[in-house]
Amino acid sequence: MNFELSGHAQEELTNRSIPLQVVELILDSPGQILEEDGLKVYQGQFTGTNGNIYLLRVFINDQVSPVKVVTVYRTSKIKKYWRD
């Protein structure tokens, strides 16, 4: 997917030590696509460098071209956000 990072998303990647490659993987092959607060949320699971499994949530604005990644974060609370 062709995308652009917002300034906030760039800061979050740095502050949370999330590799850009993981974001690219989730955007190219999401486990789920949800909608929250008018944004699409691409999310998928990945294994961190510590061996733990996390859920990466990538919030995008798809009303612009290229799509803009608004924010991104990882969480260990997979059951809280994963929809069946």
N, C-alpha and C. Protein backbone atom coordinates (compact mmCIF):
# COMPACT_ATOMS: atom_id res chain seq x y z
N MET A 1 0.85 -1.18 0.00
CA MET A 1 0.00 0.00 0.00
C MET A 1 0.90 1.24 0.00
N ASN A 2 0.55 2.18 -0.82
CA ASN A 2 1.27 3.45 -0.85
C ASN A 2 0.70 4.34 0.25
N PHE A 3 1.55 4.79 1.17
CA PHE A 3 1.08 5.58 2.30
C PHE A 3 2.11 6.63 2.69
N GLU A 4 1.64 7.56 3.51
CA GLU A 4 2.48 8.63 4.05
C GLU A 4 2.28 8.64 5.56
N LEU A 5 3.34 8.89 6.31
CA LEU A 5 3.24 8.97 7.76
C LEU A 5 3.00 10.40 8.21
N SER A 6 2.07 10.60 9.13
CA SER A 6 1.90 11.93 9.74
C SER A 6 3.08 12.15 10.69
N GLY A 7 3.29 13.39 11.09
CA GLY A 7 4.34 13.69 12.05
C GLY A 7 4.14 12.92 13.35
N HIS A 8 2.87 12.84 13.78
CA HIS A 8 2.55 12.12 15.01
C HIS A 8 2.91 10.63 14.87
N ALA A 9 2.56 10.03 13.74
CA ALA A 9 2.85 8.61 13.53
C ALA A 9 4.36 8.37 13.54
N GLN A 10 5.12 9.26 12.93
CA GLN A 10 6.58 9.13 12.93
C GLN A 10 7.13 9.17 14.35
N GLU A 11 6.59 10.08 15.17
CA GLU A 11 7.02 10.17 16.57
C GLU A 11 6.69 8.89 17.34
N GLU A 12 5.49 8.36 17.09
CA GLU A 12 5.07 7.14 17.79
C GLU A 12 5.95 5.95 17.42
N LEU A 13 6.32 5.84 16.14
CA LEU A 13 7.21 4.75 15.73
C LEU A 13 8.53 4.83 16.48
N THR A 14 9.06 6.04 16.58
CA THR A 14 10.33 6.25 17.28
C THR A 14 10.18 6.00 18.78
N ASN A 15 9.17 6.64 19.39
CA ASN A 15 8.98 6.54 20.84
C ASN A 15 8.69 5.12 21.30
N ARG A 16 7.96 4.36 20.49
CA ARG A 16 7.54 3.02 20.88
C ARG A 16 8.42 1.92 20.27
N SER A 17 9.47 2.33 19.57
CA SER A 17 10.42 1.39 18.94
C SER A 17 9.71 0.38 18.05
N ILE A 18 8.82 0.88 17.20
CA ILE A 18 8.10 0.02 16.25
C ILE A 18 8.78 0.16 14.89
N PRO A 19 9.28 -0.93 14.33
CA PRO A 19 9.94 -0.86 13.02
C PRO A 19 8.93 -0.52 11.91
N LEU A 20 9.33 0.34 11.00
CA LEU A 20 8.49 0.71 9.87
C LEU A 20 8.11 -0.52 9.05
N GLN A 21 8.99 -1.51 8.99
CA GLN A 21 8.71 -2.73 8.22
C GLN A 21 7.49 -3.48 8.76
N VAL A 22 7.28 -3.42 10.08
CA VAL A 22 6.11 -4.09 10.68
C VAL A 22 4.84 -3.35 10.26
N VAL A 23 4.89 -2.02 10.23
CA VAL A 23 3.75 -1.23 9.78
C VAL A 23 3.43 -1.57 8.32
N GLU A 24 4.46 -1.63 7.49
CA GLU A 24 4.27 -1.97 6.08
C GLU A 24 3.64 -3.35 5.92
N LEU A 25 4.10 -4.31 6.73
CA LEU A 25 3.54 -5.67 6.69
C LEU A 25 2.05 -5.68 7.02
N ILE A 26 1.68 -4.96 8.08
CA ILE A 26 0.28 -4.93 8.50
C ILE A 26 -0.58 -4.22 7.46
N LEU A 27 -0.08 -3.14 6.88
CA LEU A 27 -0.86 -2.44 5.86
C LEU A 27 -1.02 -3.27 4.59
N ASP A 28 -0.01 -4.06 4.25
CA ASP A 28 -0.09 -4.90 3.05
C ASP A 28 -0.92 -6.16 3.27
N SER A 29 -0.94 -6.66 4.51
CA SER A 29 -1.65 -7.90 4.80
C SER A 29 -2.25 -7.86 6.20
N PRO A 30 -3.29 -7.04 6.40
CA PRO A 30 -3.86 -6.91 7.75
C PRO A 30 -4.63 -8.16 8.17
N GLY A 31 -4.62 -8.42 9.46
CA GLY A 31 -5.44 -9.49 10.01
C GLY A 31 -6.89 -9.08 10.06
N GLN A 32 -7.10 -7.79 10.30
CA GLN A 32 -8.45 -7.22 10.35
C GLN A 32 -8.39 -5.77 9.93
N ILE A 33 -9.52 -5.30 9.39
CA ILE A 33 -9.69 -3.87 9.10
C ILE A 33 -10.98 -3.45 9.79
N LEU A 34 -10.86 -2.52 10.71
CA LEU A 34 -12.00 -1.99 11.46
C LEU A 34 -12.17 -0.51 11.16
N GLU A 35 -13.24 0.06 11.67
CA GLU A 35 -13.43 1.50 11.55
C GLU A 35 -13.68 2.07 12.94
N GLU A 36 -12.92 3.11 13.28
CA GLU A 36 -13.07 3.79 14.57
C GLU A 36 -12.89 5.27 14.37
N ASP A 37 -13.79 6.06 14.90
CA ASP A 37 -13.69 7.51 14.87
C ASP A 37 -13.44 8.05 13.46
N GLY A 38 -14.08 7.45 12.47
CA GLY A 38 -13.95 7.92 11.09
C GLY A 38 -12.65 7.53 10.41
N LEU A 39 -11.84 6.72 11.07
CA LEU A 39 -10.58 6.25 10.49
C LEU A 39 -10.64 4.74 10.34
N LYS A 40 -9.90 4.23 9.38
CA LYS A 40 -9.77 2.78 9.26
C LYS A 40 -8.62 2.34 10.15
N VAL A 41 -8.81 1.19 10.79
CA VAL A 41 -7.79 0.63 11.67
C VAL A 41 -7.36 -0.71 11.09
N TYR A 42 -6.13 -0.75 10.60
CA TYR A 42 -5.54 -1.99 10.12
C TYR A 42 -4.81 -2.59 11.31
N GLN A 43 -5.10 -3.86 11.60
CA GLN A 43 -4.42 -4.46 12.74
C GLN A 43 -4.01 -5.89 12.43
N GLY A 44 -2.92 -6.26 13.07
CA GLY A 44 -2.40 -7.61 12.90
C GLY A 44 -1.44 -7.93 14.02
N GLN A 45 -1.21 -9.21 14.19
CA GLN A 45 -0.33 -9.67 15.27
C GLN A 45 1.08 -9.88 14.76
N PHE A 46 2.04 -9.64 15.64
CA PHE A 46 3.44 -9.87 15.32
C PHE A 46 4.19 -10.24 16.59
N THR A 47 5.33 -10.85 16.41
CA THR A 47 6.17 -11.25 17.54
C THR A 47 7.25 -10.20 17.73
N GLY A 48 7.33 -9.64 18.94
CA GLY A 48 8.33 -8.63 19.26
C GLY A 48 9.70 -9.26 19.43
N THR A 49 10.70 -8.41 19.53
CA THR A 49 12.07 -8.88 19.70
C THR A 49 12.27 -9.64 21.01
N ASN A 50 11.35 -9.42 21.97
CA ASN A 50 11.42 -10.13 23.25
C ASN A 50 10.69 -11.48 23.21
N GLY A 51 10.11 -11.83 22.05
CA GLY A 51 9.41 -13.10 21.90
C GLY A 51 7.94 -13.03 22.24
N ASN A 52 7.46 -11.90 22.76
CA ASN A 52 6.04 -11.75 23.09
C ASN A 52 5.23 -11.41 21.83
N ILE A 53 3.96 -11.82 21.84
CA ILE A 53 3.07 -11.53 20.72
C ILE A 53 2.30 -10.24 21.03
N TYR A 54 2.28 -9.35 20.06
CA TYR A 54 1.59 -8.06 20.19
C TYR A 54 0.60 -7.87 19.05
N LEU A 55 -0.31 -6.96 19.27
CA LEU A 55 -1.22 -6.51 18.24
C LEU A 55 -0.78 -5.12 17.83
N LEU A 56 -0.54 -4.92 16.55
CA LEU A 56 -0.21 -3.59 16.05
C LEU A 56 -1.46 -3.00 15.44
N ARG A 57 -1.80 -1.79 15.87
CA ARG A 57 -2.98 -1.09 15.36
C ARG A 57 -2.49 0.15 14.60
N VAL A 58 -2.85 0.23 13.33
CA VAL A 58 -2.43 1.32 12.46
C VAL A 58 -3.68 2.07 12.01
N PHE A 59 -3.82 3.32 12.44
CA PHE A 59 -4.97 4.14 12.11
C PHE A 59 -4.65 4.95 10.86
N ILE A 60 -5.49 4.82 9.83
CA ILE A 60 -5.22 5.53 8.59
C ILE A 60 -6.42 6.37 8.15
N ASN A 61 -6.11 7.44 7.45
CA ASN A 61 -7.11 8.26 6.78
C ASN A 61 -7.03 7.87 5.31
N ASP A 62 -8.06 7.17 4.81
CA ASP A 62 -8.05 6.73 3.42
C ASP A 62 -8.83 7.67 2.51
N GLN A 63 -9.16 8.85 3.04
CA GLN A 63 -9.88 9.85 2.23
C GLN A 63 -8.93 10.76 1.47
N VAL A 64 -7.62 10.56 1.65
CA VAL A 64 -6.61 11.35 0.96
C VAL A 64 -5.73 10.39 0.15
N SER A 65 -5.02 10.95 -0.80
CA SER A 65 -4.13 10.13 -1.62
C SER A 65 -2.74 10.74 -1.63
N PRO A 66 -1.71 10.00 -1.23
CA PRO A 66 -1.78 8.63 -0.71
C PRO A 66 -2.41 8.62 0.67
N VAL A 67 -2.84 7.43 1.11
CA VAL A 67 -3.45 7.33 2.45
C VAL A 67 -2.44 7.79 3.48
N LYS A 68 -2.95 8.36 4.57
CA LYS A 68 -2.07 8.88 5.61
C LYS A 68 -2.21 8.05 6.88
N VAL A 69 -1.09 7.58 7.39
CA VAL A 69 -1.06 6.90 8.68
C VAL A 69 -1.10 7.99 9.74
N VAL A 70 -2.19 8.00 10.51
CA VAL A 70 -2.42 9.04 11.52
C VAL A 70 -1.68 8.72 12.81
N THR A 71 -1.81 7.47 13.27
CA THR A 71 -1.10 7.03 14.46
C THR A 71 -0.95 5.52 14.42
N VAL A 72 -0.08 5.02 15.26
CA VAL A 72 0.18 3.59 15.31
C VAL A 72 0.63 3.23 16.73
N TYR A 73 0.17 2.08 17.21
CA TYR A 73 0.67 1.60 18.50
C TYR A 73 0.54 0.10 18.58
N ARG A 74 1.32 -0.47 19.48
CA ARG A 74 1.24 -1.91 19.73
C ARG A 74 0.68 -2.11 21.13
N THR A 75 0.02 -3.25 21.29
CA THR A 75 -0.55 -3.58 22.59
C THR A 75 -0.47 -5.08 22.81
N SER A 76 -0.35 -5.48 24.05
CA SER A 76 -0.39 -6.90 24.39
C SER A 76 -1.82 -7.35 24.69
N LYS A 77 -2.75 -6.40 24.74
CA LYS A 77 -4.16 -6.71 25.04
C LYS A 77 -4.92 -7.05 23.77
N ILE A 78 -4.52 -8.16 23.16
CA ILE A 78 -5.07 -8.55 21.87
C ILE A 78 -6.58 -8.79 21.95
N LYS A 79 -7.05 -9.48 22.99
CA LYS A 79 -8.48 -9.80 23.12
C LYS A 79 -9.34 -8.55 23.23
N LYS A 80 -8.78 -7.49 23.75
CA LYS A 80 -9.54 -6.25 23.92
C LYS A 80 -9.91 -5.62 22.56
N TYR A 81 -9.03 -5.74 21.57
CA TYR A 81 -9.22 -5.06 20.29
C TYR A 81 -9.58 -5.98 19.13
N TRP A 82 -9.30 -7.27 19.24
CA TRP A 82 -9.55 -8.19 18.15
C TRP A 82 -11.04 -8.50 18.08
N ARG A 83 -11.61 -8.39 16.89
CA ARG A 83 -13.05 -8.64 16.71
C ARG A 83 -13.25 -9.99 16.03
N ASP A 84 -14.21 -10.75 16.54
CA ASP A 84 -14.53 -12.06 15.94
C ASP A 84 -15.55 -11.89 14.83
